[in-house]
Protein backbone atom coordinates (compact mmCIF):
# COMPACT_ATOMS: atom_id res chain seq x y z
CA MET A 1 115.20 -67.78 56.26
CA SER A 2 114.38 -64.59 57.40
CA THR A 3 112.18 -62.37 54.92
CA ARG A 4 113.55 -58.72 54.34
CA ARG A 5 111.41 -56.56 56.06
CA SER A 6 110.03 -53.29 54.14
CA PRO A 7 107.08 -51.15 54.65
CA LEU A 8 105.34 -52.98 51.65
CA ALA A 9 105.86 -56.25 52.86
CA MET A 10 104.65 -55.40 56.47
CA ALA A 11 101.54 -53.84 54.72
CA LEU A 12 100.58 -56.90 53.04
CA LEU A 13 101.27 -59.02 55.60
CA SER A 14 99.13 -57.04 57.80
CA LEU A 15 96.20 -57.18 55.24
CA VAL A 16 95.95 -60.83 54.78
CA CYS A 17 96.24 -60.98 58.71
CA GLU A 18 92.93 -59.03 58.73
CA ALA A 19 91.27 -61.26 56.05
CA PRO A 20 92.36 -63.66 53.17
CA MET A 21 92.51 -61.64 49.89
CA HIS A 22 94.19 -61.37 46.44
CA ALA A 23 96.96 -58.89 45.20
CA TYR A 24 94.67 -56.39 43.55
CA GLN A 25 92.20 -56.15 46.41
CA MET A 26 95.44 -55.43 48.79
CA GLN A 27 96.84 -52.95 46.60
CA ARG A 28 93.00 -51.38 46.20
CA MET A 29 92.49 -51.29 50.00
CA ILE A 30 96.13 -49.74 50.62
CA LYS A 31 95.06 -46.81 48.43
CA GLU A 32 91.32 -46.55 49.53
CA ARG A 33 92.71 -46.30 53.41
CA HIS A 34 95.32 -43.49 51.98
CA LYS A 35 98.01 -45.99 53.03
CA ASP A 36 99.86 -45.13 49.84
CA ASP A 37 101.06 -42.28 51.52
CA VAL A 38 103.31 -44.51 53.85
CA VAL A 39 103.67 -47.75 51.45
CA ASN A 40 104.60 -47.28 47.80
CA VAL A 41 102.11 -49.39 45.69
CA ALA A 42 102.61 -47.51 42.94
CA GLN A 43 104.23 -50.30 41.02
CA ARG A 44 101.65 -53.36 40.68
CA ASN A 45 104.87 -55.29 39.96
CA SER A 46 106.40 -54.60 43.16
CA VAL A 47 103.17 -55.78 45.04
CA TYR A 48 103.70 -59.06 43.05
CA GLN A 49 107.15 -59.50 43.97
CA THR A 50 106.87 -59.01 47.66
CA ILE A 51 103.92 -61.47 47.80
CA ASP A 52 106.30 -63.94 45.90
CA ARG A 53 108.76 -63.14 48.42
CA LEU A 54 106.09 -63.52 51.41
CA LEU A 55 104.91 -66.76 49.91
CA ARG A 56 108.33 -68.07 49.22
CA ASP A 57 109.48 -67.44 52.64
CA GLY A 58 106.38 -69.09 54.36
CA LEU A 59 104.92 -66.17 55.69
CA ILE A 60 101.72 -66.44 53.28
CA ALA A 61 99.74 -69.29 51.80
CA VAL A 62 97.67 -69.81 49.14
CA ARG A 63 94.34 -70.58 50.50
CA GLU A 64 92.47 -70.46 46.79
CA THR A 65 92.97 -69.85 43.26
CA SER A 66 89.75 -69.00 41.11
CA ARG A 67 88.91 -67.39 37.60
CA GLU A 68 85.48 -65.84 37.14
CA GLU A 69 84.59 -65.44 33.12
CA ASN A 70 86.47 -63.31 31.26
CA ARG A 71 88.65 -62.36 34.08
CA PRO A 72 92.18 -63.28 34.90
CA GLU A 73 92.86 -66.20 37.42
CA ARG A 74 92.82 -64.55 41.04
CA THR A 75 94.94 -66.26 44.15
CA VAL A 76 93.86 -65.62 47.40
CA TYR A 77 96.43 -65.40 50.14
CA GLU A 78 96.30 -65.81 54.02
CA PRO A 79 98.58 -65.68 56.62
CA THR A 80 100.85 -68.75 58.26
CA ASP A 81 101.31 -68.79 61.93
CA ALA A 82 105.11 -67.99 60.93
CA GLY A 83 103.41 -64.89 59.31
CA ARG A 84 101.71 -63.81 62.13
CA ASP A 85 104.69 -63.97 64.25
CA THR A 86 106.84 -62.22 61.90
CA LEU A 87 104.36 -59.59 61.31
CA ARG A 88 104.41 -59.01 65.30
CA ARG A 89 108.30 -59.11 65.35
CA TRP A 90 108.79 -56.51 62.41
CA MET A 91 105.90 -54.17 64.00
CA ARG A 92 107.94 -54.22 67.44
CA THR A 93 110.85 -53.14 65.67
CA MET A 94 109.75 -50.64 63.22
CA LEU A 95 108.05 -48.94 66.58
CA SER A 96 110.61 -48.77 68.64
CA VAL A 97 113.98 -48.63 66.43
CA ARG A 98 114.89 -45.72 64.42
CA ALA A 99 115.93 -47.08 60.90
CA ARG A 100 119.08 -45.82 59.08
CA GLU A 101 117.32 -44.47 55.86
CA PHE A 102 118.72 -42.42 53.09
CA PRO A 103 115.91 -40.04 51.74
CA GLU A 104 116.77 -37.73 48.78
CA PHE A 105 116.08 -34.38 50.36
CA PRO A 106 119.20 -34.56 52.95
CA ALA A 107 121.60 -35.98 50.47
CA ALA A 108 120.60 -33.35 48.12
CA LEU A 109 121.43 -30.72 50.77
CA ALA A 110 124.73 -32.51 51.59
CA PHE A 111 125.63 -31.76 47.84
CA MET A 112 123.92 -28.58 47.60
CA PRO A 113 126.92 -26.66 46.36
CA VAL A 114 126.98 -28.18 43.14
CA LEU A 115 124.31 -25.40 42.39
CA PRO A 116 124.77 -21.62 41.84
CA PRO A 117 122.81 -19.82 44.84
CA ASP A 118 119.79 -18.68 42.74
CA GLU A 119 119.11 -21.99 41.54
CA VAL A 120 119.08 -23.75 44.83
CA ARG A 121 116.77 -20.64 46.02
CA ALA A 122 114.42 -21.52 43.15
CA ALA A 123 114.55 -25.01 43.86
CA LEU A 124 113.92 -24.60 47.64
CA ASP A 125 110.95 -22.20 46.62
CA GLU A 126 109.42 -24.97 44.73
CA ARG A 127 109.76 -27.37 47.34
CA LEU A 128 108.02 -24.48 49.78
CA VAL A 129 105.05 -24.66 47.31
CA SER A 130 104.93 -28.53 47.42
CA LEU A 131 104.94 -28.77 51.01
CA GLU A 132 102.36 -26.51 51.76
CA ALA A 133 99.93 -28.02 49.11
CA ARG A 134 101.10 -31.41 50.87
CA LEU A 135 100.42 -30.27 54.40
CA SER A 136 96.97 -28.85 53.35
CA GLU A 137 96.13 -32.12 51.88
CA VAL A 138 97.04 -33.98 54.99
CA ASP A 139 95.33 -31.37 57.42
CA ARG A 140 92.08 -32.09 55.14
CA ASP A 141 92.34 -35.81 55.09
CA LEU A 142 92.75 -35.64 59.05
CA THR A 143 89.84 -33.45 59.27
CA GLU A 144 87.61 -35.97 57.12
CA GLY A 145 89.02 -39.12 58.72
CA ALA A 146 88.12 -37.71 62.14
CA LYS A 147 84.80 -37.65 61.26
CA PHE A 148 84.61 -41.35 60.99
CA LEU A 149 87.66 -43.09 61.87
CA PRO A 150 89.29 -43.46 65.88
CA ARG A 151 92.73 -41.61 66.16
CA LEU A 152 94.28 -44.92 65.96
CA PHE A 153 93.81 -45.07 61.96
CA LEU A 154 94.87 -41.56 61.83
CA VAL A 155 98.38 -41.35 63.64
CA GLU A 156 100.43 -41.84 60.65
CA ALA A 157 98.76 -38.79 59.29
CA GLU A 158 99.52 -37.07 62.48
CA TYR A 159 102.84 -38.23 61.86
CA GLN A 160 103.22 -36.97 58.52
CA ARG A 161 101.71 -33.59 59.63
CA ALA A 162 104.19 -33.11 62.30
CA VAL A 163 107.30 -34.03 59.83
CA LEU A 164 105.91 -31.47 57.16
CA ASN A 165 105.65 -28.70 59.58
CA THR A 166 109.17 -29.32 60.40
CA GLU A 167 110.47 -29.68 57.02
CA LEU A 168 108.48 -26.68 56.11
CA ALA A 169 109.95 -24.44 58.93
CA TYR A 170 113.42 -25.67 58.18
CA VAL A 171 113.06 -24.96 53.99
CA ARG A 172 111.77 -21.42 54.90
CA GLY A 173 114.75 -20.86 57.45
CA LEU A 174 116.92 -22.10 54.54
CA ALA A 175 115.62 -20.14 51.97
CA ASP A 176 115.53 -17.04 53.87
CA ASP A 177 119.23 -17.35 54.89
CA LEU A 178 120.21 -17.76 51.21
CA ARG A 179 118.10 -14.64 50.40
CA ALA A 180 119.91 -12.51 53.09
CA GLY A 181 123.43 -13.70 51.77
CA LEU A 182 123.85 -15.89 55.14
CA ILE A 183 125.60 -18.89 53.38
CA ASP A 184 128.44 -18.18 51.87
CA TRP A 185 129.34 -19.77 48.23
CA ASP A 186 132.76 -18.52 48.06
CA PHE A 187 134.80 -21.74 49.30
CA ARG A 188 137.67 -23.65 48.42
CA LEU A 189 138.14 -27.35 48.87
């Protein structure tokens, strides 16, 4: 059986290959390392569901279960040989093959005419503010991270910066075209 690849499954499997750990520690490390910018760990339940799937598919195994006083039981996981092999295969695929993804923004652009032009302009202006704020955060994280991390551990932030810059330029141009009346809303289907 082949486990369905996902960014969260890849991240969790990668962490247990680094060192055996329990679910809460995995989630905490993803957040501490700011990898929650690229892997969604906002819902603890999704972490546990993914661990269950990795366990069921034989990619990780229970190393030990322990309980400290007044604390819930903690299960520590470690990778299996199949898990290590799967992680390497996933990484090669994720790095080399462009995935067919369906993000919300391009879908909203595709159906933009359902809103009047002034609402679209206002929404795009809000997006510009959000993009500029996020770009500032990424720049700050890159500057701070470069003080103590090798570039190898910052490349996803560099990628995010490039994507944000490109989206920012596109949205600015689109908003400018809307303000200038260069996109005609008077159409018939």
